[in-house]
Amino acid sequence: MALNALHTRHHPGVRRGFHSILLPVNTAQPELPWDMLDLAARLATERRSAIVLLAFTEVPLWEEMDAELPEVDERVQEMAKQARAIAGRYGVGVHVTAPRTRQPADLVLAEAKRRRAELIVLGATGHRRGTVAALLSDPVARRVAEEPGLRTMFVKPPEAAA
């Protein structure tokens, strides 16, 4: 349904289509949100766009930003492999970036601006995204959605969509 609404929505002065789609994902999530990636890949196919998977790691204040985290590096590699497999079915390329941050919302907004992302596909970015309540209470999703001039699309978790 959201996809159809996107097709029919016209805004004066706003170009239709997306040349870049940003998909922020917290590396603390137990699995790659395949539903979000699948939707982004379908949109990218229609619009001949690229997907940027922003696989961020939130570092607590008591830890050093540059501490070695081999489990996170392995997690990012696995996410990248899965993302490329899903998007590859649609003939879409995925660029993966894996920064560390203490302020995920600021990171997402800065990356969107730097890459001139025309759409940010969001779900809950915390450790769990399995409920609509998690999405509604997610501080990163809320902060990004409040930013003027950015297109954001929220994706319900599969359990909530049924």
N, C-alpha and C. Protein backbone atom coordinates (compact mmCIF):
# COMPACT_ATOMS: atom_id res chain seq x y z
N MET A 1 0.82 -1.19 0.00
CA MET A 1 0.00 0.00 0.00
C MET A 1 0.86 1.25 0.00
N ALA A 2 1.91 1.30 0.81
CA ALA A 2 2.80 2.46 0.84
C ALA A 2 3.45 2.66 -0.51
N LEU A 3 3.75 1.57 -1.20
CA LEU A 3 4.37 1.65 -2.51
C LEU A 3 3.45 2.32 -3.50
N ASN A 4 2.15 1.97 -3.49
CA ASN A 4 1.19 2.60 -4.39
C ASN A 4 1.04 4.07 -4.07
N ALA A 5 1.00 4.42 -2.80
CA ALA A 5 0.88 5.83 -2.42
C ALA A 5 2.07 6.62 -2.93
N LEU A 6 3.22 6.00 -2.92
CA LEU A 6 4.43 6.66 -3.39
C LEU A 6 4.36 6.92 -4.89
N HIS A 7 3.78 5.98 -5.64
CA HIS A 7 3.67 6.12 -7.08
C HIS A 7 2.77 7.29 -7.47
N THR A 8 1.72 7.52 -6.72
CA THR A 8 0.73 8.49 -7.13
C THR A 8 0.95 9.87 -6.53
N ARG A 9 1.93 9.99 -5.67
CA ARG A 9 2.14 11.26 -4.99
C ARG A 9 3.02 12.18 -5.82
N HIS A 10 2.52 13.34 -6.17
CA HIS A 10 3.28 14.32 -6.95
C HIS A 10 3.41 15.60 -6.13
N HIS A 11 4.60 16.13 -6.08
CA HIS A 11 4.83 17.39 -5.40
C HIS A 11 5.45 18.36 -6.40
N PRO A 12 4.89 19.55 -6.55
CA PRO A 12 5.47 20.52 -7.47
C PRO A 12 6.91 20.82 -7.08
N GLY A 13 7.78 20.80 -8.06
CA GLY A 13 9.17 21.14 -7.82
C GLY A 13 10.00 20.00 -7.26
N VAL A 14 9.39 18.86 -7.00
CA VAL A 14 10.14 17.73 -6.47
C VAL A 14 10.22 16.68 -7.57
N ARG A 15 11.44 16.27 -7.88
CA ARG A 15 11.68 15.28 -8.91
C ARG A 15 11.12 13.93 -8.49
N ARG A 16 10.45 13.25 -9.40
CA ARG A 16 9.97 11.89 -9.11
C ARG A 16 11.14 10.94 -9.25
N GLY A 17 11.15 9.92 -8.42
CA GLY A 17 12.21 8.93 -8.49
C GLY A 17 13.28 9.20 -7.45
N PHE A 18 14.08 8.19 -7.20
CA PHE A 18 15.12 8.28 -6.19
C PHE A 18 16.42 7.79 -6.82
N HIS A 19 17.44 8.61 -6.78
CA HIS A 19 18.74 8.17 -7.30
C HIS A 19 19.55 7.48 -6.23
N SER A 20 19.23 7.75 -4.99
CA SER A 20 19.91 7.06 -3.90
C SER A 20 18.93 6.83 -2.76
N ILE A 21 19.00 5.64 -2.20
CA ILE A 21 18.13 5.25 -1.10
C ILE A 21 19.02 4.84 0.07
N LEU A 22 18.81 5.46 1.22
CA LEU A 22 19.59 5.17 2.42
C LEU A 22 18.80 4.24 3.31
N LEU A 23 19.45 3.16 3.75
CA LEU A 23 18.82 2.19 4.62
C LEU A 23 19.67 2.04 5.88
N PRO A 24 19.33 2.77 6.96
CA PRO A 24 20.10 2.66 8.21
C PRO A 24 19.69 1.42 9.00
N VAL A 25 20.70 0.65 9.45
CA VAL A 25 20.45 -0.56 10.22
C VAL A 25 21.46 -0.61 11.36
N ASN A 26 20.98 -0.84 12.56
CA ASN A 26 21.85 -0.98 13.73
C ASN A 26 22.45 -2.38 13.72
N THR A 27 23.78 -2.46 13.86
CA THR A 27 24.44 -3.78 13.86
C THR A 27 24.06 -4.62 15.07
N ALA A 28 23.41 -4.02 16.08
CA ALA A 28 22.97 -4.77 17.26
C ALA A 28 21.70 -5.56 16.98
N GLN A 29 21.02 -5.29 15.86
CA GLN A 29 19.82 -6.05 15.54
C GLN A 29 20.20 -7.50 15.25
N PRO A 30 19.37 -8.44 15.66
CA PRO A 30 19.72 -9.85 15.49
C PRO A 30 19.79 -10.31 14.04
N GLU A 31 19.07 -9.63 13.14
CA GLU A 31 19.14 -10.00 11.73
C GLU A 31 18.92 -8.79 10.85
N LEU A 32 19.39 -8.89 9.63
CA LEU A 32 19.19 -7.84 8.65
C LEU A 32 17.69 -7.72 8.36
N PRO A 33 17.13 -6.52 8.37
CA PRO A 33 15.70 -6.37 8.09
C PRO A 33 15.42 -6.59 6.59
N TRP A 34 15.26 -7.85 6.21
CA TRP A 34 15.09 -8.22 4.81
C TRP A 34 13.88 -7.55 4.16
N ASP A 35 12.82 -7.31 4.96
CA ASP A 35 11.63 -6.67 4.40
C ASP A 35 11.92 -5.24 3.97
N MET A 36 12.71 -4.53 4.76
CA MET A 36 13.08 -3.16 4.41
C MET A 36 13.99 -3.15 3.19
N LEU A 37 14.93 -4.07 3.16
CA LEU A 37 15.86 -4.15 2.04
C LEU A 37 15.13 -4.55 0.76
N ASP A 38 14.20 -5.48 0.87
CA ASP A 38 13.43 -5.90 -0.30
C ASP A 38 12.64 -4.73 -0.87
N LEU A 39 11.99 -3.95 0.00
CA LEU A 39 11.24 -2.78 -0.45
C LEU A 39 12.17 -1.76 -1.11
N ALA A 40 13.30 -1.48 -0.47
CA ALA A 40 14.27 -0.53 -1.04
C ALA A 40 14.76 -1.01 -2.40
N ALA A 41 15.00 -2.31 -2.53
CA ALA A 41 15.48 -2.86 -3.81
C ALA A 41 14.42 -2.73 -4.90
N ARG A 42 13.16 -2.97 -4.55
CA ARG A 42 12.08 -2.81 -5.54
C ARG A 42 11.98 -1.36 -5.99
N LEU A 43 12.06 -0.43 -5.03
CA LEU A 43 12.02 0.99 -5.40
C LEU A 43 13.23 1.37 -6.24
N ALA A 44 14.39 0.86 -5.87
CA ALA A 44 15.62 1.17 -6.61
C ALA A 44 15.55 0.63 -8.04
N THR A 45 14.94 -0.53 -8.21
CA THR A 45 14.79 -1.11 -9.55
C THR A 45 13.93 -0.22 -10.42
N GLU A 46 12.80 0.20 -9.89
CA GLU A 46 11.88 1.04 -10.65
C GLU A 46 12.50 2.38 -11.01
N ARG A 47 13.34 2.89 -10.15
CA ARG A 47 13.86 4.24 -10.32
C ARG A 47 15.33 4.28 -10.75
N ARG A 48 15.90 3.10 -11.00
CA ARG A 48 17.32 2.99 -11.38
C ARG A 48 18.20 3.69 -10.35
N SER A 49 18.03 3.31 -9.11
CA SER A 49 18.73 3.92 -7.99
C SER A 49 19.76 2.96 -7.41
N ALA A 50 20.54 3.49 -6.49
CA ALA A 50 21.48 2.70 -5.70
C ALA A 50 21.01 2.68 -4.26
N ILE A 51 21.39 1.63 -3.53
CA ILE A 51 21.06 1.52 -2.11
C ILE A 51 22.34 1.67 -1.32
N VAL A 52 22.27 2.47 -0.26
CA VAL A 52 23.37 2.58 0.69
C VAL A 52 22.89 1.95 1.99
N LEU A 53 23.54 0.86 2.38
CA LEU A 53 23.25 0.22 3.66
C LEU A 53 24.16 0.86 4.69
N LEU A 54 23.58 1.63 5.59
CA LEU A 54 24.32 2.29 6.66
C LEU A 54 24.25 1.38 7.89
N ALA A 55 25.21 0.47 8.00
CA ALA A 55 25.24 -0.50 9.09
C ALA A 55 26.02 0.13 10.24
N PHE A 56 25.31 0.88 11.08
CA PHE A 56 26.00 1.63 12.14
C PHE A 56 26.07 0.84 13.43
N THR A 57 27.10 1.15 14.20
CA THR A 57 27.29 0.55 15.52
C THR A 57 27.24 1.67 16.54
N GLU A 58 26.31 1.58 17.45
CA GLU A 58 26.19 2.58 18.50
C GLU A 58 27.16 2.21 19.62
N VAL A 59 28.09 3.13 19.90
CA VAL A 59 29.12 2.89 20.91
C VAL A 59 28.74 3.65 22.17
N PRO A 60 28.62 2.94 23.30
CA PRO A 60 28.27 3.62 24.55
C PRO A 60 29.38 4.58 25.00
N LEU A 61 29.00 5.55 25.81
CA LEU A 61 29.95 6.57 26.27
C LEU A 61 31.15 5.98 27.01
N TRP A 62 30.97 4.87 27.69
CA TRP A 62 32.06 4.31 28.50
C TRP A 62 33.06 3.50 27.67
N GLU A 63 32.79 3.31 26.37
CA GLU A 63 33.72 2.58 25.52
C GLU A 63 34.42 3.53 24.57
N GLU A 64 35.63 3.16 24.18
CA GLU A 64 36.39 3.95 23.21
C GLU A 64 35.79 3.76 21.83
N MET A 65 35.77 4.82 21.04
CA MET A 65 35.20 4.74 19.69
C MET A 65 36.02 3.82 18.78
N ASP A 66 37.31 3.76 18.99
CA ASP A 66 38.16 2.97 18.10
C ASP A 66 38.55 1.61 18.67
N ALA A 67 37.84 1.15 19.70
CA ALA A 67 38.13 -0.17 20.28
C ALA A 67 37.89 -1.25 19.22
N GLU A 68 38.69 -2.30 19.27
CA GLU A 68 38.51 -3.40 18.33
C GLU A 68 37.24 -4.16 18.67
N LEU A 69 36.43 -4.37 17.67
CA LEU A 69 35.17 -5.09 17.84
C LEU A 69 35.05 -6.13 16.72
N PRO A 70 35.82 -7.21 16.80
CA PRO A 70 35.81 -8.18 15.70
C PRO A 70 34.43 -8.79 15.43
N GLU A 71 33.62 -8.95 16.47
CA GLU A 71 32.28 -9.50 16.27
C GLU A 71 31.41 -8.55 15.45
N VAL A 72 31.62 -7.25 15.61
CA VAL A 72 30.87 -6.27 14.82
C VAL A 72 31.34 -6.30 13.38
N ASP A 73 32.64 -6.39 13.17
CA ASP A 73 33.16 -6.47 11.79
C ASP A 73 32.61 -7.69 11.07
N GLU A 74 32.55 -8.83 11.76
CA GLU A 74 31.98 -10.04 11.17
C GLU A 74 30.49 -9.85 10.89
N ARG A 75 29.81 -9.19 11.79
CA ARG A 75 28.37 -8.93 11.63
C ARG A 75 28.12 -8.06 10.40
N VAL A 76 28.93 -7.03 10.22
CA VAL A 76 28.78 -6.13 9.07
C VAL A 76 29.03 -6.90 7.77
N GLN A 77 30.05 -7.76 7.76
CA GLN A 77 30.33 -8.56 6.56
C GLN A 77 29.15 -9.46 6.22
N GLU A 78 28.55 -10.05 7.24
CA GLU A 78 27.39 -10.93 7.02
C GLU A 78 26.20 -10.11 6.51
N MET A 79 25.98 -8.93 7.10
CA MET A 79 24.89 -8.06 6.64
C MET A 79 25.10 -7.66 5.18
N ALA A 80 26.33 -7.31 4.84
CA ALA A 80 26.65 -6.90 3.47
C ALA A 80 26.38 -8.05 2.50
N LYS A 81 26.78 -9.25 2.87
CA LYS A 81 26.56 -10.42 2.02
C LYS A 81 25.07 -10.66 1.80
N GLN A 82 24.29 -10.59 2.87
CA GLN A 82 22.85 -10.79 2.77
C GLN A 82 22.19 -9.68 1.95
N ALA A 83 22.60 -8.44 2.20
CA ALA A 83 22.01 -7.31 1.48
C ALA A 83 22.28 -7.41 -0.01
N ARG A 84 23.49 -7.76 -0.37
CA ARG A 84 23.82 -7.88 -1.80
C ARG A 84 23.08 -9.04 -2.45
N ALA A 85 22.84 -10.10 -1.70
CA ALA A 85 22.09 -11.24 -2.25
C ALA A 85 20.64 -10.84 -2.51
N ILE A 86 20.02 -10.16 -1.56
CA ILE A 86 18.62 -9.74 -1.72
C ILE A 86 18.49 -8.73 -2.85
N ALA A 87 19.30 -7.68 -2.82
CA ALA A 87 19.21 -6.63 -3.84
C ALA A 87 19.64 -7.14 -5.21
N GLY A 88 20.57 -8.09 -5.21
CA GLY A 88 21.05 -8.65 -6.47
C GLY A 88 19.95 -9.34 -7.27
N ARG A 89 18.94 -9.87 -6.58
CA ARG A 89 17.81 -10.48 -7.27
C ARG A 89 17.06 -9.47 -8.13
N TYR A 90 17.19 -8.21 -7.78
CA TYR A 90 16.52 -7.14 -8.52
C TYR A 90 17.49 -6.40 -9.45
N GLY A 91 18.74 -6.84 -9.47
CA GLY A 91 19.74 -6.17 -10.30
C GLY A 91 20.19 -4.83 -9.72
N VAL A 92 20.08 -4.68 -8.40
CA VAL A 92 20.42 -3.42 -7.72
C VAL A 92 21.71 -3.60 -6.94
N GLY A 93 22.58 -2.62 -7.03
CA GLY A 93 23.81 -2.64 -6.26
C GLY A 93 23.62 -2.06 -4.87
N VAL A 94 24.44 -2.53 -3.95
CA VAL A 94 24.39 -2.06 -2.56
C VAL A 94 25.78 -1.61 -2.15
N HIS A 95 25.87 -0.39 -1.69
CA HIS A 95 27.10 0.11 -1.09
C HIS A 95 26.93 0.01 0.42
N VAL A 96 27.91 -0.55 1.11
CA VAL A 96 27.80 -0.72 2.55
C VAL A 96 28.84 0.17 3.23
N THR A 97 28.37 0.91 4.22
CA THR A 97 29.25 1.70 5.05
C THR A 97 28.94 1.34 6.50
N ALA A 98 29.99 1.25 7.32
CA ALA A 98 29.81 0.76 8.69
C ALA A 98 30.48 1.66 9.72
N PRO A 99 29.94 2.85 9.93
CA PRO A 99 30.53 3.76 10.91
C PRO A 99 30.11 3.42 12.34
N ARG A 100 30.88 3.94 13.27
CA ARG A 100 30.54 3.86 14.69
C ARG A 100 30.06 5.25 15.11
N THR A 101 29.16 5.27 16.06
CA THR A 101 28.60 6.55 16.47
C THR A 101 28.08 6.49 17.90
N ARG A 102 27.98 7.65 18.48
CA ARG A 102 27.29 7.79 19.76
C ARG A 102 25.92 8.44 19.55
N GLN A 103 25.73 9.04 18.40
CA GLN A 103 24.49 9.74 18.07
C GLN A 103 23.95 9.22 16.73
N PRO A 104 23.23 8.10 16.73
CA PRO A 104 22.77 7.51 15.48
C PRO A 104 21.91 8.43 14.60
N ALA A 105 21.03 9.20 15.20
CA ALA A 105 20.17 10.08 14.40
C ALA A 105 21.00 11.12 13.65
N ASP A 106 21.97 11.71 14.34
CA ASP A 106 22.84 12.69 13.68
C ASP A 106 23.64 12.05 12.56
N LEU A 107 24.09 10.81 12.79
CA LEU A 107 24.84 10.08 11.76
C LEU A 107 23.97 9.84 10.53
N VAL A 108 22.75 9.37 10.73
CA VAL A 108 21.85 9.09 9.61
C VAL A 108 21.58 10.37 8.82
N LEU A 109 21.31 11.46 9.51
CA LEU A 109 21.04 12.73 8.82
C LEU A 109 22.27 13.23 8.07
N ALA A 110 23.43 13.13 8.67
CA ALA A 110 24.66 13.56 8.01
C ALA A 110 24.96 12.71 6.78
N GLU A 111 24.75 11.40 6.90
CA GLU A 111 24.99 10.50 5.77
C GLU A 111 23.99 10.76 4.65
N ALA A 112 22.75 11.01 4.99
CA ALA A 112 21.74 11.33 3.98
C ALA A 112 22.11 12.60 3.23
N LYS A 113 22.58 13.58 3.96
CA LYS A 113 22.98 14.84 3.32
C LYS A 113 24.22 14.64 2.46
N ARG A 114 25.21 13.94 3.00
CA ARG A 114 26.46 13.73 2.28
C ARG A 114 26.23 12.98 0.97
N ARG A 115 25.37 11.98 1.01
CA ARG A 115 25.12 11.15 -0.17
C ARG A 115 23.96 11.67 -1.02
N ARG A 116 23.37 12.78 -0.56
CA ARG A 116 22.21 13.35 -1.25
C ARG A 116 21.11 12.30 -1.43
N ALA A 117 20.89 11.55 -0.37
CA ALA A 117 19.85 10.51 -0.40
C ALA A 117 18.50 11.16 -0.59
N GLU A 118 17.76 10.62 -1.49
CA GLU A 118 16.44 11.17 -1.77
C GLU A 118 15.34 10.43 -1.03
N LEU A 119 15.70 9.32 -0.40
CA LEU A 119 14.74 8.58 0.41
C LEU A 119 15.51 7.85 1.50
N ILE A 120 14.95 7.85 2.71
CA ILE A 120 15.49 7.06 3.81
C ILE A 120 14.41 6.05 4.18
N VAL A 121 14.74 4.78 4.10
CA VAL A 121 13.81 3.72 4.46
C VAL A 121 14.13 3.34 5.90
N LEU A 122 13.14 3.50 6.78
CA LEU A 122 13.36 3.31 8.20
C LEU A 122 12.46 2.25 8.81
N GLY A 123 13.03 1.58 9.79
CA GLY A 123 12.31 0.73 10.72
C GLY A 123 12.85 1.12 12.08
N ALA A 124 12.46 0.45 13.12
CA ALA A 124 13.04 0.73 14.43
C ALA A 124 14.52 0.38 14.38
N THR A 125 15.37 1.26 14.89
CA THR A 125 16.82 1.08 14.78
C THR A 125 17.46 0.56 16.05
N GLY A 126 16.67 0.25 17.07
CA GLY A 126 17.22 -0.27 18.31
C GLY A 126 17.59 -1.74 18.18
N HIS A 127 17.74 -2.39 19.32
CA HIS A 127 18.12 -3.80 19.33
C HIS A 127 17.00 -4.68 18.77
N ARG A 128 15.75 -4.22 18.92
CA ARG A 128 14.61 -4.98 18.43
C ARG A 128 13.76 -4.08 17.55
N ARG A 129 13.28 -4.62 16.46
CA ARG A 129 12.36 -3.85 15.62
C ARG A 129 11.09 -4.63 15.39
N GLY A 130 10.80 -5.63 16.22
CA GLY A 130 9.71 -6.55 15.99
C GLY A 130 8.31 -6.04 16.24
N THR A 131 8.14 -4.79 16.68
CA THR A 131 6.79 -4.31 16.93
C THR A 131 6.62 -2.90 16.39
N VAL A 132 5.37 -2.55 16.15
CA VAL A 132 5.07 -1.18 15.72
C VAL A 132 5.39 -0.21 16.85
N ALA A 133 5.15 -0.63 18.10
CA ALA A 133 5.47 0.22 19.26
C ALA A 133 6.95 0.55 19.30
N ALA A 134 7.81 -0.41 18.93
CA ALA A 134 9.26 -0.16 18.89
C ALA A 134 9.58 0.92 17.86
N LEU A 135 8.91 0.88 16.73
CA LEU A 135 9.13 1.88 15.70
C LEU A 135 8.66 3.26 16.15
N LEU A 136 7.47 3.30 16.76
CA LEU A 136 6.92 4.59 17.19
C LEU A 136 7.73 5.23 18.31
N SER A 137 8.35 4.43 19.14
CA SER A 137 9.12 4.97 20.25
C SER A 137 10.61 5.09 19.96
N ASP A 138 11.03 4.72 18.76
CA ASP A 138 12.45 4.74 18.41
C ASP A 138 12.93 6.19 18.26
N PRO A 139 13.91 6.62 19.08
CA PRO A 139 14.34 8.01 19.01
C PRO A 139 15.05 8.37 17.70
N VAL A 140 15.74 7.42 17.10
CA VAL A 140 16.42 7.69 15.83
C VAL A 140 15.39 7.90 14.72
N ALA A 141 14.44 6.99 14.62
CA ALA A 141 13.41 7.10 13.59
C ALA A 141 12.62 8.40 13.74
N ARG A 142 12.30 8.74 14.97
CA ARG A 142 11.54 9.97 15.21
C ARG A 142 12.34 11.20 14.81
N ARG A 143 13.59 11.25 15.19
CA ARG A 143 14.44 12.41 14.88
C ARG A 143 14.62 12.57 13.37
N VAL A 144 14.87 11.46 12.67
CA VAL A 144 15.06 11.51 11.22
C VAL A 144 13.76 11.95 10.54
N ALA A 145 12.63 11.42 10.98
CA ALA A 145 11.34 11.77 10.38
C ALA A 145 10.99 13.24 10.57
N GLU A 146 11.48 13.84 11.64
CA GLU A 146 11.19 15.25 11.93
C GLU A 146 12.03 16.21 11.09
N GLU A 147 13.07 15.71 10.45
CA GLU A 147 13.96 16.57 9.67
C GLU A 147 13.25 17.08 8.42
N PRO A 148 13.15 18.41 8.27
CA PRO A 148 12.46 18.94 7.10
C PRO A 148 13.27 18.68 5.82
N GLY A 149 12.55 18.46 4.74
CA GLY A 149 13.19 18.31 3.44
C GLY A 149 13.67 16.91 3.11
N LEU A 150 13.49 15.95 4.00
CA LEU A 150 13.90 14.57 3.72
C LEU A 150 12.68 13.70 3.53
N ARG A 151 12.73 12.84 2.54
CA ARG A 151 11.67 11.85 2.36
C ARG A 151 12.03 10.64 3.21
N THR A 152 11.10 10.22 4.02
CA THR A 152 11.30 9.01 4.82
C THR A 152 10.12 8.08 4.59
N MET A 153 10.42 6.81 4.60
CA MET A 153 9.39 5.79 4.46
C MET A 153 9.57 4.81 5.61
N PHE A 154 8.53 4.59 6.38
CA PHE A 154 8.59 3.64 7.49
C PHE A 154 8.05 2.30 7.03
N VAL A 155 8.74 1.26 7.46
CA VAL A 155 8.34 -0.10 7.09
C VAL A 155 7.93 -0.83 8.35
N LYS A 156 6.70 -1.35 8.35
CA LYS A 156 6.23 -2.12 9.48
C LYS A 156 7.01 -3.42 9.56
N PRO A 157 7.31 -3.87 10.76
CA PRO A 157 7.93 -5.19 10.90
C PRO A 157 6.99 -6.27 10.38
N PRO A 158 7.53 -7.40 9.88
CA PRO A 158 6.66 -8.44 9.30
C PRO A 158 5.57 -8.91 10.25
N GLU A 159 5.85 -9.05 11.53
CA GLU A 159 4.84 -9.52 12.48
C GLU A 159 3.69 -8.54 12.58
N ALA A 160 3.99 -7.24 12.47
CA ALA A 160 2.96 -6.21 12.58
C ALA A 160 2.15 -6.08 11.29
N ALA A 161 2.75 -6.46 10.17
CA ALA A 161 2.09 -6.31 8.88
C ALA A 161 0.99 -7.34 8.67
N ALA A 162 1.07 -8.45 9.38
CA ALA A 162 0.09 -9.54 9.17
C ALA A 162 -1.25 -9.22 9.76
